Amino acid sequence: MQGDPVALKAAIEAGRKASFFCANCHGETGISKTPEVPNLAGQNPAYLLEQIRKFGSGERQDAFMQGLIKVLKDEERVQMALFYAAQAAPPTKANAAQAARGKDLYAKLCARCHGELARGNDLYPRLAGQNAVYLQTSVARYRDGTGIRNNQLMAIATAPLKNDDIAAIAQYLTQMP
């Protein structure tokens, strides 16, 4: 589909239509208006599909998301992932001093998986332009082993972080294009 621009455009448009119920939380173009909810814009489509699968199977726990995902057909899941991936993920303003400190921490702890520009890939999410509150909450959940977010590599990478370190990394990432 990605080799056929006409089919891709049609899939993206179908994904826009299929994502109507997602817009309430994730925004019409994948830019959330709620700080605790992640932006989906610019995310890698393969990564998004895997997260949709995990919500559908119960590997990721969120009763609301799990209920919504179950009503989607496989084709709609693909179309939605392509739609969100095609949307721009604009950076937001950040605290410059914290962002500078966060850049160093990110380079040491995060870049090897999420990429130097924090744009992720098939396996790891795009973090550039993400909501700072969402980032802080997610990283703290990995670090604290709450069971809400489970990933052994993330638990190891985040273990040494203090809350102010997490805030600095979030400030760095939110202002990334």
C-alpha atoms as a PDB file:
ATOM      1  CA  MET A   1       0.000   0.000   0.000  1.00  0.00           C
ATOM      2  CA  GLN A   2       2.837   2.393   0.815  1.00  0.00           C
ATOM      3  CA  GLY A   3       4.226   1.833  -2.686  1.00  0.00           C
ATOM      4  CA  ASP A   4       0.932   2.930  -4.232  1.00  0.00           C
ATOM      5  CA  PRO A   5       0.308   6.632  -3.461  1.00  0.00           C
ATOM      6  CA  VAL A   6      -3.368   6.473  -4.471  1.00  0.00           C
ATOM      7  CA  ALA A   7      -4.072   3.468  -2.228  1.00  0.00           C
ATOM      8  CA  LEU A   8      -2.122   5.064   0.612  1.00  0.00           C
ATOM      9  CA  LYS A   9      -4.072   8.310   0.302  1.00  0.00           C
ATOM     10  CA  ALA A  10      -7.358   6.357   0.325  1.00  0.00           C
ATOM     11  CA  ALA A  11      -6.242   4.358   3.384  1.00  0.00           C
ATOM     12  CA  ILE A  12      -5.251   7.536   5.238  1.00  0.00           C
ATOM     13  CA  GLU A  13      -8.638   9.114   4.466  1.00  0.00           C
ATOM     14  CA  ALA A  14     -10.419   5.952   5.617  1.00  0.00           C
ATOM     15  CA  GLY A  15      -8.263   6.046   8.762  1.00  0.00           C
ATOM     16  CA  ARG A  16      -9.335   9.632   9.437  1.00  0.00           C
ATOM     17  CA  LYS A  17     -12.958   8.547   9.266  1.00  0.00           C
ATOM     18  CA  ALA A  18     -12.406   5.414  11.374  1.00  0.00           C
ATOM     19  CA  SER A  19     -10.607   7.430  14.060  1.00  0.00           C
ATOM     20  CA  PHE A  20     -13.600   9.664  14.815  1.00  0.00           C
ATOM     21  CA  PHE A  21     -14.043   8.184  18.296  1.00  0.00           C
ATOM     22  CA  CYS A  22     -10.287   8.509  19.009  1.00  0.00           C
ATOM     23  CA  ALA A  23     -10.476  12.279  18.450  1.00  0.00           C
ATOM     24  CA  ASN A  24     -12.234  12.804  21.780  1.00  0.00           C
ATOM     25  CA  CYS A  25      -9.019  11.963  23.626  1.00  0.00           C
ATOM     26  CA  HIS A  26      -6.203  11.981  21.060  1.00  0.00           C
ATOM     27  CA  GLY A  27      -7.362  15.005  19.027  1.00  0.00           C
ATOM     28  CA  GLU A  28      -8.642  15.126  15.453  1.00  0.00           C
ATOM     29  CA  THR A  29      -5.129  14.910  13.994  1.00  0.00           C
ATOM     30  CA  GLY A  30      -3.523  12.934  16.796  1.00  0.00           C
ATOM     31  CA  ILE A  31      -2.502  15.953  18.891  1.00  0.00           C
ATOM     32  CA  SER A  32      -4.067  15.476  22.300  1.00  0.00           C
ATOM     33  CA  LYS A  33      -5.586  18.412  24.116  1.00  0.00           C
ATOM     34  CA  THR A  34      -5.327  16.492  27.405  1.00  0.00           C
ATOM     35  CA  PRO A  35      -1.797  16.403  28.881  1.00  0.00           C
ATOM     36  CA  GLU A  36      -2.174  12.860  30.241  1.00  0.00           C
ATOM     37  CA  VAL A  37      -3.156  11.435  26.848  1.00  0.00           C
ATOM     38  CA  PRO A  38      -0.431  10.702  24.281  1.00  0.00           C
ATOM     39  CA  ASN A  39      -0.133  12.333  20.905  1.00  0.00           C
ATOM     40  CA  LEU A  40      -0.447   9.801  18.099  1.00  0.00           C
ATOM     41  CA  ALA A  41       0.577  12.152  15.286  1.00  0.00           C
ATOM     42  CA  GLY A  42       3.800  11.201  13.537  1.00  0.00           C
ATOM     43  CA  GLN A  43       4.003   7.845  15.299  1.00  0.00           C
ATOM     44  CA  ASN A  44       5.359   4.898  13.291  1.00  0.00           C
ATOM     45  CA  PRO A  45       2.394   2.922  11.873  1.00  0.00           C
ATOM     46  CA  ALA A  46       3.895  -0.477  12.765  1.00  0.00           C
ATOM     47  CA  TYR A  47       4.424   0.701  16.337  1.00  0.00           C
ATOM     48  CA  LEU A  48       0.827   1.989  16.531  1.00  0.00           C
ATOM     49  CA  LEU A  49      -0.539  -1.296  15.183  1.00  0.00           C
ATOM     50  CA  GLU A  50       1.389  -3.222  17.810  1.00  0.00           C
ATOM     51  CA  GLN A  51      -0.011  -1.015  20.590  1.00  0.00           C
ATOM     52  CA  ILE A  52      -3.529  -1.474  19.211  1.00  0.00           C
ATOM     53  CA  ARG A  53      -2.923  -5.229  19.220  1.00  0.00           C
ATOM     54  CA  LYS A  54      -1.649  -5.089  22.824  1.00  0.00           C
ATOM     55  CA  PHE A  55      -4.720  -3.172  23.997  1.00  0.00           C
ATOM     56  CA  GLY A  56      -6.953  -5.625  22.141  1.00  0.00           C
ATOM     57  CA  SER A  57      -5.255  -8.641  23.718  1.00  0.00           C
ATOM     58  CA  GLY A  58      -5.100  -7.125  27.199  1.00  0.00           C
ATOM     59  CA  GLU A  59      -1.281  -6.928  27.258  1.00  0.00           C
ATOM     60  CA  ARG A  60      -1.718  -3.177  27.759  1.00  0.00           C
ATOM     61  CA  GLN A  61      -4.245  -2.377  30.434  1.00  0.00           C
ATOM     62  CA  ASP A  62      -6.782   0.405  29.961  1.00  0.00           C
ATOM     63  CA  ALA A  63     -10.439  -0.546  30.163  1.00  0.00           C
ATOM     64  CA  PHE A  64     -11.552   2.355  27.968  1.00  0.00           C
ATOM     65  CA  MET A  65      -8.994   1.671  25.224  1.00  0.00           C
ATOM     66  CA  GLN A  66      -9.583  -2.068  25.360  1.00  0.00           C
ATOM     67  CA  GLY A  67     -13.314  -1.586  24.802  1.00  0.00           C
ATOM     68  CA  LEU A  68     -12.774   0.725  21.830  1.00  0.00           C
ATOM     69  CA  ILE A  69     -10.116  -1.415  20.181  1.00  0.00           C
ATOM     70  CA  LYS A  70     -12.299  -4.524  20.247  1.00  0.00           C
ATOM     71  CA  VAL A  71     -14.866  -2.957  17.901  1.00  0.00           C
ATOM     72  CA  LEU A  72     -12.286  -2.166  15.213  1.00  0.00           C
ATOM     73  CA  LYS A  73     -11.829  -4.402  12.192  1.00  0.00           C
ATOM     74  CA  ASP A  74      -8.241  -5.275  11.228  1.00  0.00           C
ATOM     75  CA  GLU A  75      -8.451  -3.064   8.132  1.00  0.00           C
ATOM     76  CA  GLU A  76      -9.621  -0.092  10.231  1.00  0.00           C
ATOM     77  CA  ARG A  77      -6.703  -0.600  12.614  1.00  0.00           C
ATOM     78  CA  VAL A  78      -4.245  -0.412   9.732  1.00  0.00           C
ATOM     79  CA  GLN A  79      -5.974   2.623   8.226  1.00  0.00           C
ATOM     80  CA  MET A  80      -5.980   4.472  11.550  1.00  0.00           C
ATOM     81  CA  ALA A  81      -2.294   3.728  12.097  1.00  0.00           C
ATOM     82  CA  LEU A  82      -1.506   5.093   8.628  1.00  0.00           C
ATOM     83  CA  PHE A  83      -3.661   8.182   9.253  1.00  0.00           C
ATOM     84  CA  TYR A  84      -1.955   9.065  12.537  1.00  0.00           C
ATOM     85  CA  ALA A  85       1.509   8.335  11.135  1.00  0.00           C
ATOM     86  CA  ALA A  86       0.856  10.805   8.306  1.00  0.00           C
ATOM     87  CA  GLN A  87      -0.022  13.671  10.680  1.00  0.00           C
ATOM     88  CA  ALA A  88       2.501  16.317  11.753  1.00  0.00           C
ATOM     89  CA  ALA A  89       3.716  16.209  15.354  1.00  0.00           C
ATOM     90  CA  PRO A  90       4.606  19.823  16.159  1.00  0.00           C
ATOM     91  CA  PRO A  91       6.916  20.608  19.065  1.00  0.00           C
ATOM     92  CA  THR A  92       5.723  22.679  22.016  1.00  0.00           C
ATOM     93  CA  LYS A  93       7.455  25.235  24.214  1.00  0.00           C
ATOM     94  CA  ALA A  94       9.681  23.927  26.958  1.00  0.00           C
ATOM     95  CA  ASN A  95      11.803  25.151  29.834  1.00  0.00           C
ATOM     96  CA  ALA A  96      15.145  25.795  28.075  1.00  0.00           C
ATOM     97  CA  ALA A  97      17.375  25.020  31.069  1.00  0.00           C
ATOM     98  CA  GLN A  98      15.543  21.780  31.835  1.00  0.00           C
ATOM     99  CA  ALA A  99      15.508  20.805  28.146  1.00  0.00           C
ATOM    100  CA  ALA A 100      19.295  21.247  27.923  1.00  0.00           C
ATOM    101  CA  ARG A 101      19.777  18.958  30.932  1.00  0.00           C
ATOM    102  CA  GLY A 102      17.206  16.547  29.506  1.00  0.00           C
ATOM    103  CA  LYS A 103      19.084  16.370  26.204  1.00  0.00           C
ATOM    104  CA  ASP A 104      22.152  14.936  27.961  1.00  0.00           C
ATOM    105  CA  LEU A 105      20.092  12.418  29.931  1.00  0.00           C
ATOM    106  CA  TYR A 106      18.177  11.406  26.805  1.00  0.00           C
ATOM    107  CA  ALA A 107      21.416  10.864  24.866  1.00  0.00           C
ATOM    108  CA  LYS A 108      22.777   8.597  27.618  1.00  0.00           C
ATOM    109  CA  LEU A 109      19.663   6.595  28.429  1.00  0.00           C
ATOM    110  CA  CYS A 110      17.128   6.754  25.614  1.00  0.00           C
ATOM    111  CA  ALA A 111      18.645   7.486  22.202  1.00  0.00           C
ATOM    112  CA  ARG A 112      19.904   3.964  21.507  1.00  0.00           C
ATOM    113  CA  CYS A 113      16.315   2.687  21.264  1.00  0.00           C
ATOM    114  CA  HIS A 114      14.164   5.746  20.502  1.00  0.00           C
ATOM    115  CA  GLY A 115      16.693   7.272  18.079  1.00  0.00           C
ATOM    116  CA  GLU A 116      18.902  10.324  18.195  1.00  0.00           C
ATOM    117  CA  LEU A 117      16.008  12.539  17.062  1.00  0.00           C
ATOM    118  CA  ALA A 118      13.482  10.711  19.297  1.00  0.00           C
ATOM    119  CA  ARG A 119      11.383   9.665  16.317  1.00  0.00           C
ATOM    120  CA  GLY A 120      11.228   5.988  17.227  1.00  0.00           C
ATOM    121  CA  ASN A 121      10.770   3.093  14.800  1.00  0.00           C
ATOM    122  CA  ASP A 122       8.690  -0.076  14.372  1.00  0.00           C
ATOM    123  CA  LEU A 123       9.496  -1.241  17.912  1.00  0.00           C
ATOM    124  CA  TYR A 124       9.931   1.974  19.892  1.00  0.00           C
ATOM    125  CA  PRO A 125       7.602   4.966  20.046  1.00  0.00           C
ATOM    126  CA  ARG A 126       8.254   8.426  18.742  1.00  0.00           C
ATOM    127  CA  LEU A 127       8.853  10.654  21.756  1.00  0.00           C
ATOM    128  CA  ALA A 128       9.587  13.909  19.923  1.00  0.00           C
ATOM    129  CA  GLY A 129       6.730  16.387  20.334  1.00  0.00           C
ATOM    130  CA  GLN A 130       4.964  14.242  22.920  1.00  0.00           C
ATOM    131  CA  ASN A 131       3.031  15.739  25.854  1.00  0.00           C
ATOM    132  CA  ALA A 132       5.397  16.409  28.780  1.00  0.00           C
ATOM    133  CA  VAL A 133       2.884  15.254  31.419  1.00  0.00           C
ATOM    134  CA  TYR A 134       2.235  12.016  29.532  1.00  0.00           C
ATOM    135  CA  LEU A 135       5.982  11.392  29.208  1.00  0.00           C
ATOM    136  CA  GLN A 136       6.629  12.049  32.889  1.00  0.00           C
ATOM    137  CA  THR A 137       3.792   9.779  33.982  1.00  0.00           C
ATOM    138  CA  SER A 138       4.805   6.948  31.637  1.00  0.00           C
ATOM    139  CA  VAL A 139       8.496   7.048  32.543  1.00  0.00           C
ATOM    140  CA  ALA A 140       7.705   7.148  36.255  1.00  0.00           C
ATOM    141  CA  ARG A 141       5.415   4.120  35.831  1.00  0.00           C
ATOM    142  CA  TYR A 142       8.213   2.150  34.163  1.00  0.00           C
ATOM    143  CA  ARG A 143      10.708   3.235  36.839  1.00  0.00           C
ATOM    144  CA  ASP A 144       8.359   2.510  39.741  1.00  0.00           C
ATOM    145  CA  GLY A 145       7.223  -0.892  38.445  1.00  0.00           C
ATOM    146  CA  THR A 146       3.549  -0.084  38.935  1.00  0.00           C
ATOM    147  CA  GLY A 147       2.439  -2.774  36.496  1.00  0.00           C
ATOM    148  CA  ILE A 148       0.622  -0.196  34.383  1.00  0.00           C
ATOM    149  CA  ARG A 149       3.564   0.014  31.982  1.00  0.00           C
ATOM    150  CA  ASN A 150       5.714  -3.139  31.756  1.00  0.00           C
ATOM    151  CA  ASN A 151       8.941  -3.428  29.814  1.00  0.00           C
ATOM    152  CA  GLN A 152      12.115  -4.842  31.308  1.00  0.00           C
ATOM    153  CA  LEU A 153      14.436  -2.648  29.211  1.00  0.00           C
ATOM    154  CA  MET A 154      12.507   0.485  30.194  1.00  0.00           C
ATOM    155  CA  ALA A 155      12.547  -0.543  33.855  1.00  0.00           C
ATOM    156  CA  ILE A 156      16.342  -0.886  33.714  1.00  0.00           C
ATOM    157  CA  ALA A 157      16.874   2.351  31.750  1.00  0.00           C
ATOM    158  CA  THR A 158      14.620   4.412  34.030  1.00  0.00           C
ATOM    159  CA  ALA A 159      15.720   2.919  37.382  1.00  0.00           C
ATOM    160  CA  PRO A 160      18.359   5.584  38.144  1.00  0.00           C
ATOM    161  CA  LEU A 161      16.112   8.531  37.265  1.00  0.00           C
ATOM    162  CA  LYS A 162      14.847  10.919  39.904  1.00  0.00           C
ATOM    163  CA  ASN A 163      11.623  12.878  39.303  1.00  0.00           C
ATOM    164  CA  ASP A 164      13.557  16.012  38.276  1.00  0.00           C
ATOM    165  CA  ASP A 165      15.552  13.932  35.750  1.00  0.00           C
ATOM    166  CA  ILE A 166      12.305  12.646  34.258  1.00  0.00           C
ATOM    167  CA  ALA A 167      10.923  16.201  34.073  1.00  0.00           C
ATOM    168  CA  ALA A 168      14.080  17.373  32.281  1.00  0.00           C
ATOM    169  CA  ILE A 169      13.879  14.576  29.708  1.00  0.00           C
ATOM    170  CA  ALA A 170      10.192  15.362  29.148  1.00  0.00           C
ATOM    171  CA  GLN A 171      10.984  19.058  28.608  1.00  0.00           C
ATOM    172  CA  TYR A 172      13.646  18.109  26.060  1.00  0.00           C
ATOM    173  CA  LEU A 173      11.352  15.739  24.171  1.00  0.00           C
ATOM    174  CA  THR A 174       8.267  17.958  24.072  1.00  0.00           C
ATOM    175  CA  GLN A 175      10.178  20.695  22.228  1.00  0.00           C
ATOM    176  CA  MET A 176      11.639  18.298  19.647  1.00  0.00           C
ATOM    177  CA  PRO A 177      10.182  18.490  16.107  1.00  0.00           C
END
